[in-house]
Amino acid sequence: MVGLVLGGAVGAALAYLMAPRPGDEIRSDLVTRGIELKQQAEGVVDQVIEKGRVAVEEQRSRFQQAIAEGKEASARTRSDLLKRYEQAKEQGKA
């Protein structure tokens, strides 16, 4: 994405420099185009940051869900083992 923006900026600058117009007009156009490209780049950066933020939140949610499921499975296993232990203990007394 950065290469695309940078390539576009260089291409636009070269096109303006090669065009048969007065220097003041070319410089003014270059400044205007530079401002536009900067705004576009900022927009792209904002989009990438937002997509990254969403991805991180999704992964955090999945991770928290996996932890909760692991805790539940651990509690079930513990409960089952305690029941088996108690049963084995009762059978040993009988």
C-alpha atoms as a PDB file:
ATOM      1  CA  MET A   1       0.000   0.000   0.000  1.00  0.00           C
ATOM      2  CA  VAL A   2       2.831   2.362   0.895  1.00  0.00           C
ATOM      3  CA  GLY A   3       4.574   1.534  -2.375  1.00  0.00           C
ATOM      4  CA  LEU A   4       1.418   2.316  -4.289  1.00  0.00           C
ATOM      5  CA  VAL A   5       1.019   5.698  -2.619  1.00  0.00           C
ATOM      6  CA  LEU A   6       4.721   6.521  -2.955  1.00  0.00           C
ATOM      7  CA  GLY A   7       4.778   5.438  -6.599  1.00  0.00           C
ATOM      8  CA  GLY A   8       1.704   7.539  -7.317  1.00  0.00           C
ATOM      9  CA  ALA A   9       3.298  10.558  -5.681  1.00  0.00           C
ATOM     10  CA  VAL A  10       6.535  10.189  -7.641  1.00  0.00           C
ATOM     11  CA  GLY A  11       4.641   9.628 -10.887  1.00  0.00           C
ATOM     12  CA  ALA A  12       2.436  12.656 -10.308  1.00  0.00           C
ATOM     13  CA  ALA A  13       5.443  14.815  -9.457  1.00  0.00           C
ATOM     14  CA  LEU A  14       7.253  13.756 -12.616  1.00  0.00           C
ATOM     15  CA  ALA A  15       4.160  14.359 -14.737  1.00  0.00           C
ATOM     16  CA  TYR A  16       3.797  17.861 -13.338  1.00  0.00           C
ATOM     17  CA  LEU A  17       7.470  18.614 -13.851  1.00  0.00           C
ATOM     18  CA  MET A  18       7.391  17.443 -17.463  1.00  0.00           C
ATOM     19  CA  ALA A  19       4.227  19.359 -18.334  1.00  0.00           C
ATOM     20  CA  PRO A  20       4.731  22.614 -20.298  1.00  0.00           C
ATOM     21  CA  ARG A  21       3.481  25.071 -17.646  1.00  0.00           C
ATOM     22  CA  PRO A  22       4.993  27.887 -15.617  1.00  0.00           C
ATOM     23  CA  GLY A  23       7.049  26.898 -12.558  1.00  0.00           C
ATOM     24  CA  ASP A  24       4.787  28.676 -10.050  1.00  0.00           C
ATOM     25  CA  GLU A  25       1.769  26.809 -11.330  1.00  0.00           C
ATOM     26  CA  ILE A  26       3.621  23.491 -11.212  1.00  0.00           C
ATOM     27  CA  ARG A  27       4.811  24.111  -7.648  1.00  0.00           C
ATOM     28  CA  SER A  28       1.317  25.057  -6.572  1.00  0.00           C
ATOM     29  CA  ASP A  29      -0.088  21.907  -8.165  1.00  0.00           C
ATOM     30  CA  LEU A  30       2.604  19.798  -6.501  1.00  0.00           C
ATOM     31  CA  VAL A  31       1.772  21.237  -3.099  1.00  0.00           C
ATOM     32  CA  THR A  32      -1.936  20.626  -3.646  1.00  0.00           C
ATOM     33  CA  ARG A  33      -1.347  17.089  -4.847  1.00  0.00           C
ATOM     34  CA  GLY A  34       1.027  16.431  -1.947  1.00  0.00           C
ATOM     35  CA  ILE A  35      -1.638  17.499   0.523  1.00  0.00           C
ATOM     36  CA  GLU A  36      -4.188  15.250  -1.177  1.00  0.00           C
ATOM     37  CA  LEU A  37      -1.819  12.279  -1.129  1.00  0.00           C
ATOM     38  CA  LYS A  38      -1.027  12.893   2.532  1.00  0.00           C
ATOM     39  CA  GLN A  39      -4.739  12.879   3.363  1.00  0.00           C
ATOM     40  CA  GLN A  40      -5.255   9.677   1.374  1.00  0.00           C
ATOM     41  CA  ALA A  41      -2.311   8.024   3.126  1.00  0.00           C
ATOM     42  CA  GLU A  42      -3.689   9.075   6.512  1.00  0.00           C
ATOM     43  CA  GLY A  43      -7.028   7.550   5.556  1.00  0.00           C
ATOM     44  CA  VAL A  44      -5.364   4.281   4.579  1.00  0.00           C
ATOM     45  CA  VAL A  45      -3.384   4.243   7.819  1.00  0.00           C
ATOM     46  CA  ASP A  46      -6.561   4.862   9.819  1.00  0.00           C
ATOM     47  CA  GLN A  47      -8.283   1.973   8.024  1.00  0.00           C
ATOM     48  CA  VAL A  48      -5.367  -0.380   8.669  1.00  0.00           C
ATOM     49  CA  ILE A  49      -5.267   0.610  12.344  1.00  0.00           C
ATOM     50  CA  GLU A  50      -9.005   0.045  12.697  1.00  0.00           C
ATOM     51  CA  LYS A  51      -8.821  -3.366  11.003  1.00  0.00           C
ATOM     52  CA  GLY A  52      -5.947  -4.283  13.292  1.00  0.00           C
ATOM     53  CA  ARG A  53      -7.913  -3.159  16.331  1.00  0.00           C
ATOM     54  CA  VAL A  54     -10.905  -5.262  15.268  1.00  0.00           C
ATOM     55  CA  ALA A  55      -8.692  -8.301  14.669  1.00  0.00           C
ATOM     56  CA  VAL A  56      -7.071  -7.935  18.086  1.00  0.00           C
ATOM     57  CA  GLU A  57     -10.472  -7.678  19.779  1.00  0.00           C
ATOM     58  CA  GLU A  58     -11.706 -10.778  17.935  1.00  0.00           C
ATOM     59  CA  GLN A  59      -8.626 -12.741  18.982  1.00  0.00           C
ATOM     60  CA  ARG A  60      -8.936 -11.514  22.567  1.00  0.00           C
ATOM     61  CA  SER A  61     -12.558 -12.661  22.641  1.00  0.00           C
ATOM     62  CA  ARG A  62     -11.646 -16.084  21.238  1.00  0.00           C
ATOM     63  CA  PHE A  63      -8.817 -16.422  23.743  1.00  0.00           C
ATOM     64  CA  GLN A  64     -11.074 -15.533  26.659  1.00  0.00           C
ATOM     65  CA  GLN A  65     -13.683 -18.009  25.434  1.00  0.00           C
ATOM     66  CA  ALA A  66     -11.026 -20.727  25.169  1.00  0.00           C
ATOM     67  CA  ILE A  67      -9.874 -19.990  28.718  1.00  0.00           C
ATOM     68  CA  ALA A  68     -13.445 -20.193  30.009  1.00  0.00           C
ATOM     69  CA  GLU A  69     -14.004 -23.498  28.204  1.00  0.00           C
ATOM     70  CA  GLY A  70     -10.733 -24.835  29.597  1.00  0.00           C
ATOM     71  CA  LYS A  71     -11.747 -23.880  33.131  1.00  0.00           C
ATOM     72  CA  GLU A  72     -15.113 -25.588  32.684  1.00  0.00           C
ATOM     73  CA  ALA A  73     -13.480 -28.754  31.341  1.00  0.00           C
ATOM     74  CA  SER A  74     -11.002 -28.714  34.206  1.00  0.00           C
ATOM     75  CA  ALA A  75     -13.804 -28.343  36.768  1.00  0.00           C
ATOM     76  CA  ARG A  76     -15.749 -31.246  35.188  1.00  0.00           C
ATOM     77  CA  THR A  77     -12.674 -33.453  35.163  1.00  0.00           C
ATOM     78  CA  ARG A  78     -11.891 -32.586  38.778  1.00  0.00           C
ATOM     79  CA  SER A  79     -15.450 -33.345  39.802  1.00  0.00           C
ATOM     80  CA  ASP A  80     -15.397 -36.674  37.961  1.00  0.00           C
ATOM     81  CA  LEU A  81     -12.086 -37.634  39.556  1.00  0.00           C
ATOM     82  CA  LEU A  82     -13.361 -36.739  43.021  1.00  0.00           C
ATOM     83  CA  LYS A  83     -16.473 -38.875  42.454  1.00  0.00           C
ATOM     84  CA  ARG A  84     -14.361 -41.812  41.307  1.00  0.00           C
ATOM     85  CA  TYR A  85     -12.072 -41.373  44.292  1.00  0.00           C
ATOM     86  CA  GLU A  86     -15.009 -41.339  46.687  1.00  0.00           C
ATOM     87  CA  GLN A  87     -16.498 -44.421  45.007  1.00  0.00           C
ATOM     88  CA  ALA A  88     -13.188 -46.243  45.172  1.00  0.00           C
ATOM     89  CA  LYS A  89     -12.830 -45.236  48.803  1.00  0.00           C
ATOM     90  CA  GLU A  90     -16.348 -46.534  49.604  1.00  0.00           C
ATOM     91  CA  GLN A  91     -15.656 -49.808  47.779  1.00  0.00           C
ATOM     92  CA  GLY A  92     -12.482 -50.231  49.798  1.00  0.00           C
ATOM     93  CA  LYS A  93     -14.454 -49.979  53.053  1.00  0.00           C
ATOM     94  CA  ALA A  94     -17.083 -52.487  51.956  1.00  0.00           C
END
